[in-house]
Amino acid sequence: MDRKKEVHRRNFLYVASGVFAATGSVISLWPLIDSMNPSADVLALSTVEVDLSPIEVGQAITVKWRGRPVFIRRRTPEEIAHARAVDISELRDPETDVQRIKPGYDEWLVMIGVCTHLGCIPLGQKPGDPKGEYGGWFCPCHGSHYDMSGRIRKGPAPRNLDIPPYAFLTDSYIRIG
């Protein structure tokens, strides 16, 4: 009888020691795990809201999101028609213009303004900037040419300009991120 009590007591001590050690390990690792969370300044930049109402047709602006430029362009009907007339079979990264915009907001093109080749900032946002052979954006560092839909048409860039996650809050207000 005495032997059975010792076995139960020993098993209890083993389990209690294991639980205590596991709890201590988790508590000691918590500062490391918590340090992997994004800091407050990063969380503050995780979304940006933009008022589109002052942007006129044919005008483009650049906003900053997560430290990267985001190109927002209000395209003219001619620019939209020209972007949609492109045969996607001749594109390196085939994507239609409709796939690159939000449904119902054809005139608004929102994309990350970082060349997909080596991370340069393409020119084409300002009225006097060179726009490349296809009327969109031109990366002067290595010669990548993008069309009015941000699709790569010529040069070393492997893919189109990236589209950030964004949503229209109203007809004239968007949230990026």
N, C-alpha and C. Protein backbone atom coordinates (compact mmCIF):
# COMPACT_ATOMS: atom_id res chain seq x y z
N MET A 1 0.82 -1.18 0.00
CA MET A 1 0.00 0.00 0.00
C MET A 1 0.86 1.25 0.00
N ASP A 2 1.89 1.24 0.81
CA ASP A 2 2.78 2.38 0.93
C ASP A 2 3.51 2.65 -0.40
N ARG A 3 3.82 1.57 -1.11
CA ARG A 3 4.52 1.66 -2.39
C ARG A 3 3.63 2.37 -3.43
N LYS A 4 2.32 2.10 -3.46
CA LYS A 4 1.40 2.73 -4.41
C LYS A 4 1.32 4.23 -4.20
N LYS A 5 1.32 4.66 -2.92
CA LYS A 5 1.26 6.09 -2.64
C LYS A 5 2.51 6.80 -3.15
N GLU A 6 3.67 6.14 -3.02
CA GLU A 6 4.93 6.73 -3.48
C GLU A 6 4.92 6.90 -5.00
N VAL A 7 4.38 5.90 -5.73
CA VAL A 7 4.31 5.97 -7.19
C VAL A 7 3.40 7.12 -7.62
N HIS A 8 2.23 7.25 -7.00
CA HIS A 8 1.31 8.34 -7.34
C HIS A 8 1.94 9.69 -7.01
N ARG A 9 2.62 9.72 -5.87
CA ARG A 9 3.24 10.98 -5.46
C ARG A 9 4.37 11.35 -6.43
N ARG A 10 5.17 10.37 -6.85
CA ARG A 10 6.26 10.61 -7.79
C ARG A 10 5.70 11.07 -9.13
N ASN A 11 4.65 10.41 -9.62
CA ASN A 11 4.03 10.81 -10.89
C ASN A 11 3.50 12.25 -10.81
N PHE A 12 2.89 12.58 -9.68
CA PHE A 12 2.40 13.94 -9.49
C PHE A 12 3.55 14.95 -9.54
N LEU A 13 4.67 14.61 -8.90
CA LEU A 13 5.82 15.51 -8.90
C LEU A 13 6.40 15.67 -10.30
N TYR A 14 6.45 14.59 -11.08
CA TYR A 14 6.92 14.68 -12.46
C TYR A 14 6.03 15.61 -13.29
N VAL A 15 4.72 15.41 -13.20
CA VAL A 15 3.78 16.23 -13.97
C VAL A 15 3.85 17.68 -13.52
N ALA A 16 3.88 17.91 -12.20
CA ALA A 16 3.94 19.27 -11.68
C ALA A 16 5.24 19.95 -12.11
N SER A 17 6.36 19.22 -12.09
CA SER A 17 7.64 19.79 -12.52
C SER A 17 7.60 20.15 -14.00
N GLY A 18 7.02 19.26 -14.81
CA GLY A 18 6.91 19.52 -16.25
C GLY A 18 6.06 20.75 -16.55
N VAL A 19 4.93 20.87 -15.88
CA VAL A 19 4.05 22.03 -16.07
C VAL A 19 4.78 23.30 -15.64
N PHE A 20 5.47 23.25 -14.51
CA PHE A 20 6.20 24.41 -14.01
C PHE A 20 7.30 24.82 -15.00
N ALA A 21 8.04 23.84 -15.55
CA ALA A 21 9.11 24.13 -16.51
C ALA A 21 8.54 24.71 -17.81
N ALA A 22 7.44 24.14 -18.29
CA ALA A 22 6.82 24.64 -19.52
C ALA A 22 6.32 26.08 -19.33
N THR A 23 5.67 26.33 -18.19
CA THR A 23 5.18 27.68 -17.91
C THR A 23 6.34 28.66 -17.82
N GLY A 24 7.40 28.27 -17.16
CA GLY A 24 8.59 29.13 -17.05
C GLY A 24 9.21 29.42 -18.40
N SER A 25 9.23 28.41 -19.27
CA SER A 25 9.79 28.61 -20.62
C SER A 25 8.96 29.61 -21.41
N VAL A 26 7.65 29.47 -21.38
CA VAL A 26 6.77 30.39 -22.10
C VAL A 26 6.93 31.81 -21.57
N ILE A 27 6.98 31.94 -20.24
CA ILE A 27 7.12 33.26 -19.64
C ILE A 27 8.47 33.88 -20.02
N SER A 28 9.51 33.10 -20.04
CA SER A 28 10.83 33.65 -20.39
C SER A 28 10.94 33.98 -21.87
N LEU A 29 10.20 33.28 -22.73
CA LEU A 29 10.23 33.56 -24.17
C LEU A 29 9.27 34.66 -24.59
N TRP A 30 8.34 35.05 -23.74
CA TRP A 30 7.34 36.05 -24.12
C TRP A 30 7.94 37.36 -24.60
N PRO A 31 8.96 37.93 -23.95
CA PRO A 31 9.53 39.18 -24.48
C PRO A 31 10.05 39.03 -25.91
N LEU A 32 10.65 37.88 -26.22
CA LEU A 32 11.12 37.65 -27.58
C LEU A 32 9.95 37.58 -28.56
N ILE A 33 8.92 36.85 -28.21
CA ILE A 33 7.74 36.72 -29.07
C ILE A 33 7.06 38.08 -29.24
N ASP A 34 6.92 38.83 -28.16
CA ASP A 34 6.27 40.14 -28.20
C ASP A 34 7.07 41.14 -29.04
N SER A 35 8.40 41.00 -29.07
CA SER A 35 9.22 41.93 -29.85
C SER A 35 9.02 41.76 -31.35
N MET A 36 8.42 40.65 -31.77
CA MET A 36 8.18 40.42 -33.20
C MET A 36 6.92 41.12 -33.69
N ASN A 37 6.10 41.66 -32.80
CA ASN A 37 4.93 42.43 -33.21
C ASN A 37 5.36 43.75 -33.83
N PRO A 38 4.61 44.28 -34.80
CA PRO A 38 4.98 45.56 -35.39
C PRO A 38 4.89 46.68 -34.35
N SER A 39 5.80 47.64 -34.48
CA SER A 39 5.81 48.76 -33.55
C SER A 39 4.67 49.72 -33.87
N ALA A 40 4.44 50.67 -32.98
CA ALA A 40 3.32 51.61 -33.14
C ALA A 40 3.47 52.46 -34.39
N ASP A 41 4.70 52.88 -34.72
CA ASP A 41 4.88 53.71 -35.91
C ASP A 41 4.60 52.92 -37.20
N VAL A 42 4.91 51.64 -37.18
CA VAL A 42 4.61 50.81 -38.36
C VAL A 42 3.10 50.60 -38.49
N LEU A 43 2.43 50.35 -37.38
CA LEU A 43 0.98 50.18 -37.42
C LEU A 43 0.29 51.45 -37.89
N ALA A 44 0.83 52.60 -37.53
CA ALA A 44 0.23 53.87 -37.95
C ALA A 44 0.31 54.05 -39.47
N LEU A 45 1.33 53.48 -40.09
CA LEU A 45 1.50 53.60 -41.53
C LEU A 45 0.87 52.45 -42.31
N SER A 46 0.22 51.53 -41.62
CA SER A 46 -0.30 50.35 -42.31
C SER A 46 -1.45 50.67 -43.24
N THR A 47 -2.18 51.74 -42.98
CA THR A 47 -3.22 52.19 -43.90
C THR A 47 -3.10 53.69 -44.08
N VAL A 48 -3.53 54.15 -45.22
CA VAL A 48 -3.58 55.58 -45.49
C VAL A 48 -4.87 55.85 -46.26
N GLU A 49 -5.55 56.91 -45.89
CA GLU A 49 -6.79 57.30 -46.57
C GLU A 49 -6.50 58.52 -47.43
N VAL A 50 -7.03 58.51 -48.64
CA VAL A 50 -6.75 59.57 -49.61
C VAL A 50 -8.07 60.13 -50.13
N ASP A 51 -8.15 61.46 -50.10
CA ASP A 51 -9.30 62.17 -50.68
C ASP A 51 -9.00 62.40 -52.15
N LEU A 52 -9.81 61.81 -53.03
CA LEU A 52 -9.59 61.89 -54.47
C LEU A 52 -10.28 63.09 -55.12
N SER A 53 -11.13 63.78 -54.39
CA SER A 53 -11.94 64.85 -54.99
C SER A 53 -11.12 65.98 -55.61
N PRO A 54 -9.94 66.36 -55.09
CA PRO A 54 -9.21 67.45 -55.75
C PRO A 54 -8.46 67.02 -57.02
N ILE A 55 -8.39 65.73 -57.30
CA ILE A 55 -7.65 65.26 -58.47
C ILE A 55 -8.53 65.39 -59.71
N GLU A 56 -8.02 66.12 -60.69
CA GLU A 56 -8.77 66.34 -61.93
C GLU A 56 -8.45 65.25 -62.94
N VAL A 57 -9.29 65.11 -63.94
CA VAL A 57 -9.09 64.11 -65.00
C VAL A 57 -7.76 64.39 -65.69
N GLY A 58 -6.95 63.35 -65.82
CA GLY A 58 -5.63 63.47 -66.43
C GLY A 58 -4.53 63.79 -65.44
N GLN A 59 -4.87 64.02 -64.20
CA GLN A 59 -3.89 64.37 -63.18
C GLN A 59 -3.47 63.14 -62.38
N ALA A 60 -2.25 63.17 -61.86
CA ALA A 60 -1.73 62.08 -61.05
C ALA A 60 -1.12 62.65 -59.77
N ILE A 61 -1.24 61.89 -58.68
CA ILE A 61 -0.60 62.26 -57.42
C ILE A 61 0.18 61.07 -56.89
N THR A 62 1.06 61.36 -55.96
CA THR A 62 1.82 60.30 -55.30
C THR A 62 1.60 60.45 -53.81
N VAL A 63 1.23 59.35 -53.16
CA VAL A 63 1.10 59.32 -51.70
C VAL A 63 2.06 58.26 -51.18
N LYS A 64 2.38 58.35 -49.90
CA LYS A 64 3.28 57.38 -49.30
C LYS A 64 2.50 56.38 -48.48
N TRP A 65 2.79 55.10 -48.68
CA TRP A 65 2.16 54.02 -47.92
C TRP A 65 3.25 53.02 -47.58
N ARG A 66 3.45 52.78 -46.29
CA ARG A 66 4.48 51.86 -45.81
C ARG A 66 5.86 52.22 -46.35
N GLY A 67 6.12 53.49 -46.48
CA GLY A 67 7.41 53.96 -46.95
C GLY A 67 7.62 53.86 -48.44
N ARG A 68 6.61 53.48 -49.18
CA ARG A 68 6.72 53.35 -50.63
C ARG A 68 5.77 54.32 -51.32
N PRO A 69 6.15 54.81 -52.49
CA PRO A 69 5.24 55.70 -53.20
C PRO A 69 4.09 54.92 -53.84
N VAL A 70 2.91 55.47 -53.77
CA VAL A 70 1.75 54.90 -54.45
C VAL A 70 1.29 55.93 -55.47
N PHE A 71 1.24 55.50 -56.72
CA PHE A 71 0.80 56.38 -57.81
C PHE A 71 -0.72 56.26 -57.93
N ILE A 72 -1.39 57.40 -57.91
CA ILE A 72 -2.84 57.44 -58.13
C ILE A 72 -3.07 58.35 -59.32
N ARG A 73 -3.72 57.82 -60.34
CA ARG A 73 -3.97 58.60 -61.55
C ARG A 73 -5.44 58.52 -61.92
N ARG A 74 -5.99 59.70 -62.21
CA ARG A 74 -7.35 59.78 -62.73
C ARG A 74 -7.23 59.87 -64.25
N ARG A 75 -7.49 58.76 -64.89
CA ARG A 75 -7.25 58.65 -66.32
C ARG A 75 -8.36 59.28 -67.15
N THR A 76 -7.97 59.74 -68.32
CA THR A 76 -8.94 60.31 -69.26
C THR A 76 -9.62 59.15 -70.00
N PRO A 77 -10.78 59.40 -70.60
CA PRO A 77 -11.43 58.34 -71.39
C PRO A 77 -10.53 57.81 -72.52
N GLU A 78 -9.71 58.68 -73.11
CA GLU A 78 -8.79 58.26 -74.16
C GLU A 78 -7.72 57.31 -73.61
N GLU A 79 -7.20 57.63 -72.42
CA GLU A 79 -6.19 56.77 -71.81
C GLU A 79 -6.77 55.40 -71.46
N ILE A 80 -8.00 55.39 -70.99
CA ILE A 80 -8.66 54.12 -70.66
C ILE A 80 -8.87 53.29 -71.92
N ALA A 81 -9.36 53.94 -72.98
CA ALA A 81 -9.59 53.24 -74.25
C ALA A 81 -8.29 52.68 -74.81
N HIS A 82 -7.22 53.48 -74.73
CA HIS A 82 -5.92 53.04 -75.24
C HIS A 82 -5.40 51.85 -74.41
N ALA A 83 -5.56 51.89 -73.09
CA ALA A 83 -5.10 50.80 -72.23
C ALA A 83 -5.88 49.52 -72.49
N ARG A 84 -7.15 49.66 -72.80
CA ARG A 84 -7.99 48.47 -73.03
C ARG A 84 -7.83 47.89 -74.43
N ALA A 85 -7.28 48.67 -75.34
CA ALA A 85 -7.11 48.21 -76.72
C ALA A 85 -5.86 47.33 -76.89
N VAL A 86 -5.05 47.23 -75.88
CA VAL A 86 -3.80 46.46 -75.96
C VAL A 86 -4.11 44.96 -76.02
N ASP A 87 -3.44 44.28 -76.94
CA ASP A 87 -3.56 42.82 -77.06
C ASP A 87 -2.70 42.20 -75.96
N ILE A 88 -3.32 41.55 -74.97
CA ILE A 88 -2.55 41.05 -73.82
C ILE A 88 -1.63 39.89 -74.19
N SER A 89 -1.81 39.29 -75.36
CA SER A 89 -0.92 38.20 -75.76
C SER A 89 0.49 38.71 -76.05
N GLU A 90 0.64 40.00 -76.29
CA GLU A 90 1.97 40.56 -76.54
C GLU A 90 2.63 41.12 -75.27
N LEU A 91 2.00 40.94 -74.13
CA LEU A 91 2.55 41.45 -72.88
C LEU A 91 3.39 40.40 -72.15
N ARG A 92 4.45 40.84 -71.51
CA ARG A 92 5.32 39.95 -70.72
C ARG A 92 4.58 39.41 -69.51
N ASP A 93 3.82 40.28 -68.84
CA ASP A 93 3.02 39.89 -67.67
C ASP A 93 1.56 40.17 -68.04
N PRO A 94 0.90 39.21 -68.71
CA PRO A 94 -0.43 39.48 -69.27
C PRO A 94 -1.49 39.75 -68.20
N GLU A 95 -2.02 40.95 -68.24
CA GLU A 95 -3.09 41.38 -67.36
C GLU A 95 -3.91 42.41 -68.12
N THR A 96 -5.21 42.26 -68.10
CA THR A 96 -6.05 43.26 -68.76
C THR A 96 -6.14 44.50 -67.89
N ASP A 97 -6.55 45.59 -68.50
CA ASP A 97 -6.73 46.84 -67.75
C ASP A 97 -7.80 46.66 -66.68
N VAL A 98 -8.84 45.91 -67.00
CA VAL A 98 -9.95 45.69 -66.06
C VAL A 98 -9.48 44.93 -64.82
N GLN A 99 -8.50 44.05 -64.96
CA GLN A 99 -7.97 43.30 -63.82
C GLN A 99 -7.16 44.18 -62.88
N ARG A 100 -6.72 45.34 -63.35
CA ARG A 100 -5.85 46.21 -62.57
C ARG A 100 -6.58 47.35 -61.87
N ILE A 101 -7.89 47.41 -62.00
CA ILE A 101 -8.67 48.48 -61.37
C ILE A 101 -9.82 47.87 -60.58
N LYS A 102 -10.50 48.71 -59.80
CA LYS A 102 -11.69 48.26 -59.08
C LYS A 102 -12.90 48.41 -60.00
N PRO A 103 -13.79 47.43 -60.03
CA PRO A 103 -14.97 47.51 -60.89
C PRO A 103 -15.80 48.76 -60.57
N GLY A 104 -16.19 49.46 -61.62
CA GLY A 104 -17.00 50.67 -61.47
C GLY A 104 -16.19 51.94 -61.29
N TYR A 105 -14.88 51.80 -61.16
CA TYR A 105 -14.01 52.97 -60.97
C TYR A 105 -12.93 52.95 -62.05
N ASP A 106 -13.37 52.89 -63.31
CA ASP A 106 -12.45 52.75 -64.45
C ASP A 106 -11.41 53.84 -64.55
N GLU A 107 -11.77 55.06 -64.16
CA GLU A 107 -10.84 56.17 -64.35
C GLU A 107 -9.71 56.19 -63.32
N TRP A 108 -9.83 55.43 -62.23
CA TRP A 108 -8.83 55.48 -61.17
C TRP A 108 -7.86 54.30 -61.28
N LEU A 109 -6.59 54.63 -61.40
CA LEU A 109 -5.53 53.62 -61.39
C LEU A 109 -4.68 53.86 -60.15
N VAL A 110 -4.58 52.86 -59.29
CA VAL A 110 -3.82 52.94 -58.04
C VAL A 110 -2.79 51.82 -58.07
N MET A 111 -1.49 52.20 -57.98
CA MET A 111 -0.44 51.18 -58.02
C MET A 111 0.79 51.64 -57.26
N ILE A 112 1.57 50.69 -56.82
CA ILE A 112 2.81 51.00 -56.11
C ILE A 112 3.83 51.47 -57.14
N GLY A 113 4.38 52.65 -56.89
CA GLY A 113 5.31 53.27 -57.83
C GLY A 113 6.75 52.84 -57.63
N VAL A 114 6.99 51.55 -57.67
CA VAL A 114 8.34 51.01 -57.53
C VAL A 114 8.56 50.04 -58.69
N CYS A 115 9.59 50.31 -59.47
CA CYS A 115 9.90 49.45 -60.62
C CYS A 115 10.16 48.02 -60.13
N THR A 116 9.61 47.07 -60.83
CA THR A 116 9.72 45.67 -60.42
C THR A 116 11.05 45.04 -60.83
N HIS A 117 11.93 45.83 -61.45
CA HIS A 117 13.24 45.30 -61.80
C HIS A 117 14.19 45.39 -60.62
N LEU A 118 14.54 46.60 -60.19
CA LEU A 118 15.48 46.77 -59.08
C LEU A 118 15.00 47.77 -58.04
N GLY A 119 13.73 48.13 -58.06
CA GLY A 119 13.19 48.98 -57.02
C GLY A 119 13.35 50.47 -57.20
N CYS A 120 13.59 50.93 -58.40
CA CYS A 120 13.70 52.37 -58.67
C CYS A 120 12.29 52.98 -58.71
N ILE A 121 12.21 54.30 -58.72
CA ILE A 121 10.93 55.00 -58.81
C ILE A 121 10.77 55.47 -60.26
N PRO A 122 9.82 54.92 -61.01
CA PRO A 122 9.63 55.35 -62.39
C PRO A 122 9.15 56.80 -62.49
N LEU A 123 9.52 57.44 -63.58
CA LEU A 123 9.06 58.80 -63.88
C LEU A 123 7.75 58.72 -64.65
N GLY A 124 6.96 59.78 -64.58
CA GLY A 124 5.71 59.83 -65.34
C GLY A 124 4.57 60.43 -64.55
N GLN A 125 4.79 60.72 -63.28
CA GLN A 125 3.73 61.28 -62.45
C GLN A 125 3.55 62.78 -62.70
N LYS A 126 4.64 63.48 -62.96
CA LYS A 126 4.57 64.93 -63.17
C LYS A 126 4.36 65.23 -64.65
N PRO A 127 3.73 66.36 -64.95
CA PRO A 127 3.45 66.68 -66.36
C PRO A 127 4.69 66.71 -67.27
N GLY A 128 5.83 67.15 -66.79
CA GLY A 128 7.02 67.24 -67.63
C GLY A 128 7.87 65.99 -67.66
N ASP A 129 7.53 64.98 -66.91
CA ASP A 129 8.32 63.74 -66.85
C ASP A 129 8.24 62.96 -68.16
N PRO A 130 9.34 62.27 -68.51
CA PRO A 130 9.25 61.34 -69.65
C PRO A 130 8.33 60.18 -69.28
N LYS A 131 7.47 59.82 -70.21
CA LYS A 131 6.48 58.78 -69.94
C LYS A 131 6.77 57.48 -70.68
N GLY A 132 7.91 57.42 -71.35
CA GLY A 132 8.27 56.20 -72.07
C GLY A 132 7.54 56.08 -73.39
N GLU A 133 7.80 55.01 -74.08
CA GLU A 133 7.23 54.79 -75.42
C GLU A 133 5.75 54.49 -75.41
N TYR A 134 5.19 54.14 -74.25
CA TYR A 134 3.79 53.71 -74.20
C TYR A 134 2.90 54.67 -73.42
N GLY A 135 3.41 55.87 -73.12
CA GLY A 135 2.60 56.91 -72.51
C GLY A 135 2.27 56.75 -71.04
N GLY A 136 2.95 55.87 -70.34
CA GLY A 136 2.66 55.64 -68.93
C GLY A 136 3.78 56.12 -68.03
N TRP A 137 4.67 55.21 -67.66
CA TRP A 137 5.78 55.51 -66.76
C TRP A 137 7.05 54.95 -67.35
N PHE A 138 8.16 55.60 -67.01
CA PHE A 138 9.46 55.23 -67.54
C PHE A 138 10.47 55.19 -66.40
N CYS A 139 11.18 54.09 -66.26
CA CYS A 139 12.23 53.96 -65.24
C CYS A 139 13.56 54.28 -65.92
N PRO A 140 14.15 55.44 -65.61
CA PRO A 140 15.37 55.84 -66.31
C PRO A 140 16.61 55.04 -65.90
N CYS A 141 16.56 54.35 -64.80
CA CYS A 141 17.74 53.61 -64.32
C CYS A 141 18.14 52.49 -65.28
N HIS A 142 17.16 51.71 -65.73
CA HIS A 142 17.47 50.56 -66.59
C HIS A 142 16.58 50.49 -67.82
N GLY A 143 15.72 51.49 -68.02
CA GLY A 143 14.95 51.58 -69.25
C GLY A 143 13.67 50.80 -69.33
N SER A 144 13.00 50.55 -68.22
CA SER A 144 11.71 49.86 -68.27
C SER A 144 10.61 50.85 -68.66
N HIS A 145 9.75 50.44 -69.57
CA HIS A 145 8.64 51.27 -70.04
C HIS A 145 7.33 50.61 -69.61
N TYR A 146 6.45 51.38 -68.98
CA TYR A 146 5.14 50.90 -68.53
C TYR A 146 4.06 51.67 -69.28
N ASP A 147 2.95 51.01 -69.57
CA ASP A 147 1.86 51.70 -70.27
C ASP A 147 0.93 52.39 -69.29
N MET A 148 -0.20 52.92 -69.78
CA MET A 148 -1.13 53.70 -68.97
C MET A 148 -1.89 52.85 -67.96
N SER A 149 -1.66 51.55 -67.99
CA SER A 149 -2.27 50.67 -67.00
C SER A 149 -1.21 50.13 -66.03
N GLY A 150 0.05 50.61 -66.16
CA GLY A 150 1.13 50.17 -65.30
C GLY A 150 1.69 48.81 -65.67
N ARG A 151 1.43 48.37 -66.90
CA ARG A 151 1.93 47.07 -67.36
C ARG A 151 3.28 47.24 -68.03
N ILE A 152 4.19 46.31 -67.78
CA ILE A 152 5.53 46.37 -68.38
C ILE A 152 5.40 46.09 -69.88
N ARG A 153 6.01 46.96 -70.67
CA ARG A 153 5.94 46.80 -72.12
C ARG A 153 7.31 46.62 -72.75
N LYS A 154 8.35 47.21 -72.10
CA LYS A 154 9.69 47.13 -72.67
C LYS A 154 10.69 47.33 -71.54
N GLY A 155 11.83 46.65 -71.63
CA GLY A 155 12.87 46.81 -70.62
C GLY A 155 13.02 45.57 -69.76
N PRO A 156 13.89 45.65 -68.76
CA PRO A 156 14.22 44.47 -67.97
C PRO A 156 13.24 44.11 -66.85
N ALA A 157 12.29 44.95 -66.54
CA ALA A 157 11.36 44.64 -65.44
C ALA A 157 10.61 43.35 -65.75
N PRO A 158 10.52 42.43 -64.78
CA PRO A 158 9.89 41.14 -65.04
C PRO A 158 8.36 41.15 -64.98
N ARG A 159 7.78 42.14 -64.30
CA ARG A 159 6.31 42.13 -64.15
C ARG A 159 5.77 43.56 -64.08
N ASN A 160 4.46 43.65 -64.10
CA ASN A 160 3.76 44.93 -64.04
C ASN A 160 4.00 45.60 -62.69
N LEU A 161 3.72 46.90 -62.63
CA LEU A 161 3.77 47.60 -61.35
C LEU A 161 2.70 46.98 -60.44
N ASP A 162 3.05 46.77 -59.18
CA ASP A 162 2.16 46.09 -58.25
C ASP A 162 0.97 46.97 -57.86
N ILE A 163 -0.16 46.32 -57.61
CA ILE A 163 -1.37 46.99 -57.16
C ILE A 163 -1.48 46.74 -55.65
N PRO A 164 -1.55 47.82 -54.85
CA PRO A 164 -1.67 47.61 -53.40
C PRO A 164 -3.10 47.22 -53.04
N PRO A 165 -3.31 46.67 -51.87
CA PRO A 165 -4.70 46.43 -51.44
C PRO A 165 -5.35 47.78 -51.13
N TYR A 166 -6.47 48.06 -51.77
CA TYR A 166 -7.16 49.32 -51.52
C TYR A 166 -8.65 49.13 -51.73
N ALA A 167 -9.41 50.04 -51.14
CA ALA A 167 -10.87 49.98 -51.26
C ALA A 167 -11.42 51.40 -51.31
N PHE A 168 -12.48 51.56 -52.08
CA PHE A 168 -13.17 52.84 -52.14
C PHE A 168 -14.12 52.91 -50.95
N LEU A 169 -13.94 53.92 -50.09
CA LEU A 169 -14.83 54.14 -48.96
C LEU A 169 -16.06 54.90 -49.43
N THR A 170 -15.85 55.86 -50.32
CA THR A 170 -16.92 56.59 -51.01
C THR A 170 -16.44 56.74 -52.46
N ASP A 171 -17.20 57.44 -53.27
CA ASP A 171 -16.78 57.66 -54.65
C ASP A 171 -15.51 58.50 -54.76
N SER A 172 -15.19 59.25 -53.72
CA SER A 172 -14.02 60.13 -53.79
C SER A 172 -13.05 59.93 -52.63
N TYR A 173 -13.12 58.79 -51.98
CA TYR A 173 -12.25 58.54 -50.84
C TYR A 173 -11.81 57.08 -50.85
N ILE A 174 -10.50 56.83 -50.78
CA ILE A 174 -10.01 55.45 -50.75
C ILE A 174 -9.15 55.21 -49.51
N ARG A 175 -9.08 53.94 -49.14
CA ARG A 175 -8.17 53.49 -48.07
C ARG A 175 -7.21 52.50 -48.70
N ILE A 176 -5.93 52.81 -48.57
CA ILE A 176 -4.87 51.91 -49.07
C ILE A 176 -4.33 51.14 -47.87
N GLY A 177 -4.29 49.85 -48.02
CA GLY A 177 -3.77 49.00 -46.93
C GLY A 177 -4.82 48.22 -46.24
